[in-house]
Amino acid sequence: MDNLTPKPPDLYYTTERLQSELCFHMAQRIARAMLANHLISKKEFHILSNINRETFPPLFAEILPKGLEIS
């Protein structure tokens, strides 16, 4: 199977991938709270976002922008 062929849903949405997605969003929520409370700078937020993306690869990481928006 090449990289352009979509994976069947039962192979793509594994328990590990779903857990990683959840952990990524929880880590991002914490980073946003730290930013909102002025505990970290925007630069540090972006560094944390990149670390979160590497540590907990979210589903569809390949289509997420590299510099995550602060919402």
PDB file of N, CA and C in Angstrom:
ATOM      1  N   MET A   1       0.845  -1.173   0.000  1.00  0.00           N
ATOM      2  CA  MET A   1       0.000   0.000   0.000  1.00  0.00           C
ATOM      3  C   MET A   1       0.893   1.240   0.000  1.00  0.00           C
ATOM      4  N   ASP A   2       0.698   2.156  -0.946  1.00  0.00           N
ATOM      5  CA  ASP A   2       1.533   3.354  -0.987  1.00  0.00           C
ATOM      6  C   ASP A   2       0.965   4.439  -0.074  1.00  0.00           C
ATOM      7  N   ASN A   3       1.690   5.545   0.065  1.00  0.00           N
ATOM      8  CA  ASN A   3       1.295   6.626   0.975  1.00  0.00           C
ATOM      9  C   ASN A   3       0.042   7.361   0.533  1.00  0.00           C
ATOM     10  N   LEU A   4      -0.324   7.278  -0.734  1.00  0.00           N
ATOM     11  CA  LEU A   4      -1.487   7.988  -1.231  1.00  0.00           C
ATOM     12  C   LEU A   4      -2.774   7.193  -1.091  1.00  0.00           C
ATOM     13  N   THR A   5      -2.660   5.912  -0.836  1.00  0.00           N
ATOM     14  CA  THR A   5      -3.836   5.069  -0.689  1.00  0.00           C
ATOM     15  C   THR A   5      -4.358   5.181   0.738  1.00  0.00           C
ATOM     16  N   PRO A   6      -5.634   5.602   0.919  1.00  0.00           N
ATOM     17  CA  PRO A   6      -6.172   5.709   2.286  1.00  0.00           C
ATOM     18  C   PRO A   6      -6.167   4.357   2.985  1.00  0.00           C
ATOM     19  N   LYS A   7      -5.888   4.385   4.266  1.00  0.00           N
ATOM     20  CA  LYS A   7      -5.917   3.158   5.054  1.00  0.00           C
ATOM     21  C   LYS A   7      -7.356   2.837   5.431  1.00  0.00           C
ATOM     22  N   PRO A   8      -7.698   1.557   5.493  1.00  0.00           N
ATOM     23  CA  PRO A   8      -9.043   1.194   5.944  1.00  0.00           C
ATOM     24  C   PRO A   8      -9.262   1.718   7.365  1.00  0.00           C
ATOM     25  N   PRO A   9     -10.489   2.127   7.696  1.00  0.00           N
ATOM     26  CA  PRO A   9     -10.760   2.702   9.023  1.00  0.00           C
ATOM     27  C   PRO A   9     -10.309   1.831  10.179  1.00  0.00           C
ATOM     28  N   ASP A  10     -10.425   0.513  10.061  1.00  0.00           N
ATOM     29  CA  ASP A  10     -10.035  -0.342  11.181  1.00  0.00           C
ATOM     30  C   ASP A  10      -8.528  -0.355  11.416  1.00  0.00           C
ATOM     31  N   LEU A  11      -7.730   0.047  10.438  1.00  0.00           N
ATOM     32  CA  LEU A  11      -6.281   0.128  10.608  1.00  0.00           C
ATOM     33  C   LEU A  11      -5.833   1.535  10.981  1.00  0.00           C
ATOM     34  N   TYR A  12      -6.615   2.527  10.650  1.00  0.00           N
ATOM     35  CA  TYR A  12      -6.237   3.920  10.900  1.00  0.00           C
ATOM     36  C   TYR A  12      -6.606   4.358  12.307  1.00  0.00           C
ATOM     37  N   TYR A  13      -7.815   4.049  12.732  1.00  0.00           N
ATOM     38  CA  TYR A  13      -8.298   4.489  14.038  1.00  0.00           C
ATOM     39  C   TYR A  13      -8.059   3.420  15.098  1.00  0.00           C
ATOM     40  N   THR A  14      -6.804   3.224  15.428  1.00  0.00           N
ATOM     41  CA  THR A  14      -6.472   2.247  16.459  1.00  0.00           C
ATOM     42  C   THR A  14      -6.655   2.879  17.831  1.00  0.00           C
ATOM     43  N   THR A  15      -6.694   2.054  18.851  1.00  0.00           N
ATOM     44  CA  THR A  15      -6.803   2.544  20.229  1.00  0.00           C
ATOM     45  C   THR A  15      -5.639   3.467  20.555  1.00  0.00           C
ATOM     46  N   GLU A  16      -4.448   3.102  20.107  1.00  0.00           N
ATOM     47  CA  GLU A  16      -3.264   3.912  20.388  1.00  0.00           C
ATOM     48  C   GLU A  16      -3.357   5.284  19.722  1.00  0.00           C
ATOM     49  N   ARG A  17      -3.832   5.324  18.489  1.00  0.00           N
ATOM     50  CA  ARG A  17      -3.947   6.603  17.780  1.00  0.00           C
ATOM     51  C   ARG A  17      -5.007   7.484  18.428  1.00  0.00           C
ATOM     52  N   LEU A  18      -6.118   6.886  18.834  1.00  0.00           N
ATOM     53  CA  LEU A  18      -7.165   7.661  19.493  1.00  0.00           C
ATOM     54  C   LEU A  18      -6.682   8.179  20.850  1.00  0.00           C
ATOM     55  N   GLN A  19      -5.929   7.358  21.585  1.00  0.00           N
ATOM     56  CA  GLN A  19      -5.372   7.793  22.862  1.00  0.00           C
ATOM     57  C   GLN A  19      -4.382   8.934  22.652  1.00  0.00           C
ATOM     58  N   SER A  20      -3.567   8.836  21.626  1.00  0.00           N
ATOM     59  CA  SER A  20      -2.608   9.888  21.308  1.00  0.00           C
ATOM     60  C   SER A  20      -3.332  11.192  20.966  1.00  0.00           C
ATOM     61  N   GLU A  21      -4.409  11.084  20.228  1.00  0.00           N
ATOM     62  CA  GLU A  21      -5.218  12.263  19.874  1.00  0.00           C
ATOM     63  C   GLU A  21      -5.756  12.934  21.144  1.00  0.00           C
ATOM     64  N   LEU A  22      -6.285  12.141  22.047  1.00  0.00           N
ATOM     65  CA  LEU A  22      -6.824  12.672  23.297  1.00  0.00           C
ATOM     66  C   LEU A  22      -5.723  13.350  24.115  1.00  0.00           C
ATOM     67  N   CYS A  23      -4.585  12.701  24.244  1.00  0.00           N
ATOM     68  CA  CYS A  23      -3.469  13.280  25.006  1.00  0.00           C
ATOM     69  C   CYS A  23      -2.976  14.577  24.365  1.00  0.00           C
ATOM     70  N   PHE A  24      -2.927  14.611  23.038  1.00  0.00           N
ATOM     71  CA  PHE A  24      -2.513  15.829  22.340  1.00  0.00           C
ATOM     72  C   PHE A  24      -3.441  16.992  22.698  1.00  0.00           C
ATOM     73  N   HIS A  25      -4.739  16.757  22.633  1.00  0.00           N
ATOM     74  CA  HIS A  25      -5.694  17.837  22.923  1.00  0.00           C
ATOM     75  C   HIS A  25      -5.652  18.253  24.394  1.00  0.00           C
ATOM     76  N   MET A  26      -5.442  17.312  25.281  1.00  0.00           N
ATOM     77  CA  MET A  26      -5.335  17.660  26.702  1.00  0.00           C
ATOM     78  C   MET A  26      -4.065  18.485  26.946  1.00  0.00           C
ATOM     79  N   ALA A  27      -2.957  18.094  26.337  1.00  0.00           N
ATOM     80  CA  ALA A  27      -1.707  18.843  26.494  1.00  0.00           C
ATOM     81  C   ALA A  27      -1.828  20.236  25.900  1.00  0.00           C
ATOM     82  N   GLN A  28      -2.518  20.343  24.761  1.00  0.00           N
ATOM     83  CA  GLN A  28      -2.717  21.658  24.148  1.00  0.00           C
ATOM     84  C   GLN A  28      -3.610  22.537  25.025  1.00  0.00           C
ATOM     85  N   ARG A  29      -4.608  21.948  25.642  1.00  0.00           N
ATOM     86  CA  ARG A  29      -5.496  22.711  26.529  1.00  0.00           C
ATOM     87  C   ARG A  29      -4.697  23.286  27.707  1.00  0.00           C
ATOM     88  N   ILE A  30      -3.801  22.479  28.254  1.00  0.00           N
ATOM     89  CA  ILE A  30      -2.957  22.942  29.356  1.00  0.00           C
ATOM     90  C   ILE A  30      -2.036  24.066  28.879  1.00  0.00           C
ATOM     91  N   ALA A  31      -1.436  23.896  27.717  1.00  0.00           N
ATOM     92  CA  ALA A  31      -0.545  24.928  27.179  1.00  0.00           C
ATOM     93  C   ALA A  31      -1.306  26.224  26.936  1.00  0.00           C
ATOM     94  N   ARG A  32      -2.534  26.137  26.407  1.00  0.00           N
ATOM     95  CA  ARG A  32      -3.348  27.351  26.175  1.00  0.00           C
ATOM     96  C   ARG A  32      -3.698  28.035  27.500  1.00  0.00           C
ATOM     97  N   ALA A  33      -3.999  27.232  28.528  1.00  0.00           N
ATOM     98  CA  ALA A  33      -4.310  27.800  29.844  1.00  0.00           C
ATOM     99  C   ALA A  33      -3.086  28.505  30.415  1.00  0.00           C
ATOM    100  N   MET A  34      -1.921  27.899  30.242  1.00  0.00           N
ATOM    101  CA  MET A  34      -0.689  28.534  30.717  1.00  0.00           C
ATOM    102  C   MET A  34      -0.448  29.852  29.989  1.00  0.00           C
ATOM    103  N   LEU A  35      -0.703  29.869  28.699  1.00  0.00           N
ATOM    104  CA  LEU A  35      -0.546  31.101  27.915  1.00  0.00           C
ATOM    105  C   LEU A  35      -1.553  32.153  28.364  1.00  0.00           C
ATOM    106  N   ALA A  36      -2.791  31.753  28.540  1.00  0.00           N
ATOM    107  CA  ALA A  36      -3.844  32.685  28.947  1.00  0.00           C
ATOM    108  C   ALA A  36      -3.566  33.289  30.327  1.00  0.00           C
ATOM    109  N   ASN A  37      -2.912  32.519  31.187  1.00  0.00           N
ATOM    110  CA  ASN A  37      -2.585  33.001  32.535  1.00  0.00           C
ATOM    111  C   ASN A  37      -1.202  33.641  32.600  1.00  0.00           C
ATOM    112  N   HIS A  38      -0.624  33.902  31.433  1.00  0.00           N
ATOM    113  CA  HIS A  38       0.674  34.583  31.318  1.00  0.00           C
ATOM    114  C   HIS A  38       1.798  33.846  32.034  1.00  0.00           C
ATOM    115  N   LEU A  39       1.687  32.520  32.062  1.00  0.00           N
ATOM    116  CA  LEU A  39       2.747  31.707  32.656  1.00  0.00           C
ATOM    117  C   LEU A  39       3.834  31.376  31.640  1.00  0.00           C
ATOM    118  N   ILE A  40       3.475  31.443  30.356  1.00  0.00           N
ATOM    119  CA  ILE A  40       4.426  31.218  29.273  1.00  0.00           C
ATOM    120  C   ILE A  40       4.192  32.266  28.195  1.00  0.00           C
ATOM    121  N   SER A  41       5.196  32.487  27.375  1.00  0.00           N
ATOM    122  CA  SER A  41       5.086  33.430  26.259  1.00  0.00           C
ATOM    123  C   SER A  41       4.494  32.719  25.035  1.00  0.00           C
ATOM    124  N   LYS A  42       4.172  33.503  24.005  1.00  0.00           N
ATOM    125  CA  LYS A  42       3.666  32.909  22.761  1.00  0.00           C
ATOM    126  C   LYS A  42       4.717  32.000  22.133  1.00  0.00           C
ATOM    127  N   LYS A  43       5.978  32.426  22.226  1.00  0.00           N
ATOM    128  CA  LYS A  43       7.054  31.600  21.666  1.00  0.00           C
ATOM    129  C   LYS A  43       7.125  30.262  22.401  1.00  0.00           C
ATOM    130  N   GLU A  44       7.033  30.301  23.721  1.00  0.00           N
ATOM    131  CA  GLU A  44       7.060  29.064  24.503  1.00  0.00           C
ATOM    132  C   GLU A  44       5.837  28.198  24.199  1.00  0.00           C
ATOM    133  N   PHE A  45       4.687  28.843  23.963  1.00  0.00           N
ATOM    134  CA  PHE A  45       3.486  28.097  23.592  1.00  0.00           C
ATOM    135  C   PHE A  45       3.711  27.331  22.293  1.00  0.00           C
ATOM    136  N   HIS A  46       4.317  27.994  21.314  1.00  0.00           N
ATOM    137  CA  HIS A  46       4.565  27.329  20.032  1.00  0.00           C
ATOM    138  C   HIS A  46       5.575  26.192  20.185  1.00  0.00           C
ATOM    139  N   ILE A  47       6.562  26.389  21.044  1.00  0.00           N
ATOM    140  CA  ILE A  47       7.533  25.316  21.317  1.00  0.00           C
ATOM    141  C   ILE A  47       6.814  24.124  21.954  1.00  0.00           C
ATOM    142  N   LEU A  48       5.964  24.404  22.950  1.00  0.00           N
ATOM    143  CA  LEU A  48       5.190  23.332  23.585  1.00  0.00           C
ATOM    144  C   LEU A  48       4.275  22.634  22.585  1.00  0.00           C
ATOM    145  N   SER A  49       3.657  23.398  21.705  1.00  0.00           N
ATOM    146  CA  SER A  49       2.768  22.810  20.695  1.00  0.00           C
ATOM    147  C   SER A  49       3.526  21.836  19.807  1.00  0.00           C
ATOM    148  N   ASN A  50       4.739  22.216  19.417  1.00  0.00           N
ATOM    149  CA  ASN A  50       5.549  21.326  18.586  1.00  0.00           C
ATOM    150  C   ASN A  50       5.961  20.078  19.354  1.00  0.00           C
ATOM    151  N   ILE A  51       6.302  20.250  20.629  1.00  0.00           N
ATOM    152  CA  ILE A  51       6.651  19.089  21.459  1.00  0.00           C
ATOM    153  C   ILE A  51       5.432  18.180  21.616  1.00  0.00           C
ATOM    154  N   ASN A  52       4.266  18.773  21.843  1.00  0.00           N
ATOM    155  CA  ASN A  52       3.036  17.984  21.972  1.00  0.00           C
ATOM    156  C   ASN A  52       2.751  17.204  20.695  1.00  0.00           C
ATOM    157  N   ARG A  53       2.951  17.853  19.560  1.00  0.00           N
ATOM    158  CA  ARG A  53       2.700  17.196  18.272  1.00  0.00           C
ATOM    159  C   ARG A  53       3.637  16.006  18.070  1.00  0.00           C
ATOM    160  N   GLU A  54       4.898  16.143  18.503  1.00  0.00           N
ATOM    161  CA  GLU A  54       5.862  15.044  18.356  1.00  0.00           C
ATOM    162  C   GLU A  54       5.597  13.929  19.370  1.00  0.00           C
ATOM    163  N   THR A  55       5.231  14.318  20.596  1.00  0.00           N
ATOM    164  CA  THR A  55       5.023  13.347  21.662  1.00  0.00           C
ATOM    165  C   THR A  55       3.715  12.584  21.494  1.00  0.00           C
ATOM    166  N   PHE A  56       2.667  13.307  21.123  1.00  0.00           N
ATOM    167  CA  PHE A  56       1.326  12.735  20.956  1.00  0.00           C
ATOM    168  C   PHE A  56       0.847  13.052  19.543  1.00  0.00           C
ATOM    169  N   PRO A  57       1.316  12.338  18.537  1.00  0.00           N
ATOM    170  CA  PRO A  57       0.920  12.669  17.163  1.00  0.00           C
ATOM    171  C   PRO A  57      -0.601  12.618  16.996  1.00  0.00           C
ATOM    172  N   PRO A  58      -1.216  13.768  16.715  1.00  0.00           N
ATOM    173  CA  PRO A  58      -2.667  13.770  16.540  1.00  0.00           C
ATOM    174  C   PRO A  58      -3.060  13.129  15.209  1.00  0.00           C
ATOM    175  N   LEU A  59      -4.294  12.672  15.152  1.00  0.00           N
ATOM    176  CA  LEU A  59      -4.823  12.183  13.876  1.00  0.00           C
ATOM    177  C   LEU A  59      -4.762  13.339  12.892  1.00  0.00           C
ATOM    178  N   PHE A  60      -4.486  13.062  11.681  1.00  0.00           N
ATOM    179  CA  PHE A  60      -4.427  14.069  10.623  1.00  0.00           C
ATOM    180  C   PHE A  60      -3.340  15.108  10.877  1.00  0.00           C
ATOM    181  N   ALA A  61      -2.284  14.744  11.602  1.00  0.00           N
ATOM    182  CA  ALA A  61      -1.179  15.670  11.881  1.00  0.00           C
ATOM    183  C   ALA A  61      -0.585  16.221  10.593  1.00  0.00           C
ATOM    184  N   GLU A  62      -0.640  15.408   9.547  1.00  0.00           N
ATOM    185  CA  GLU A  62      -0.053  15.831   8.281  1.00  0.00           C
ATOM    186  C   GLU A  62      -0.778  17.012   7.646  1.00  0.00           C
ATOM    187  N   ILE A  63      -2.017  17.308   8.069  1.00  0.00           N
ATOM    188  CA  ILE A  63      -2.725  18.456   7.491  1.00  0.00           C
ATOM    189  C   ILE A  63      -2.826  19.623   8.464  1.00  0.00           C
ATOM    190  N   LEU A  64      -2.348  19.444   9.694  1.00  0.00           N
ATOM    191  CA  LEU A  64      -2.347  20.550  10.655  1.00  0.00           C
ATOM    192  C   LEU A  64      -1.249  21.531  10.287  1.00  0.00           C
ATOM    193  N   PRO A  65      -1.509  22.829  10.439  1.00  0.00           N
ATOM    194  CA  PRO A  65      -0.448  23.789  10.171  1.00  0.00           C
ATOM    195  C   PRO A  65       0.679  23.622  11.182  1.00  0.00           C
ATOM    196  N   LYS A  66       1.899  23.909  10.772  1.00  0.00           N
ATOM    197  CA  LYS A  66       3.053  23.745  11.661  1.00  0.00           C
ATOM    198  C   LYS A  66       2.967  24.689  12.848  1.00  0.00           C
ATOM    199  N   GLY A  67       2.639  25.950  12.615  1.00  0.00           N
ATOM    200  CA  GLY A  67       2.456  26.908  13.703  1.00  0.00           C
ATOM    201  C   GLY A  67       0.994  26.924  14.100  1.00  0.00           C
ATOM    202  N   LEU A  68       0.645  26.188  15.152  1.00  0.00           N
ATOM    203  CA  LEU A  68      -0.754  26.086  15.545  1.00  0.00           C
ATOM    204  C   LEU A  68      -1.285  27.436  15.980  1.00  0.00           C
ATOM    205  N   GLU A  69      -2.493  27.745  15.563  1.00  0.00           N
ATOM    206  CA  GLU A  69      -3.131  29.006  15.936  1.00  0.00           C
ATOM    207  C   GLU A  69      -3.496  29.010  17.395  1.00  0.00           C
ATOM    208  N   ILE A  70      -3.457  30.161  17.996  1.00  0.00           N
ATOM    209  CA  ILE A  70      -3.859  30.318  19.388  1.00  0.00           C
ATOM    210  C   ILE A  70      -5.323  30.740  19.381  1.00  0.00           C
ATOM    211  N   SER A  71      -6.185  29.858  19.894  1.00  0.00           N
ATOM    212  CA  SER A  71      -7.612  30.184  19.873  1.00  0.00           C
ATOM    213  C   SER A  71      -8.135  30.410  21.267  1.00  0.00           C
TER     214      SER A  71
END
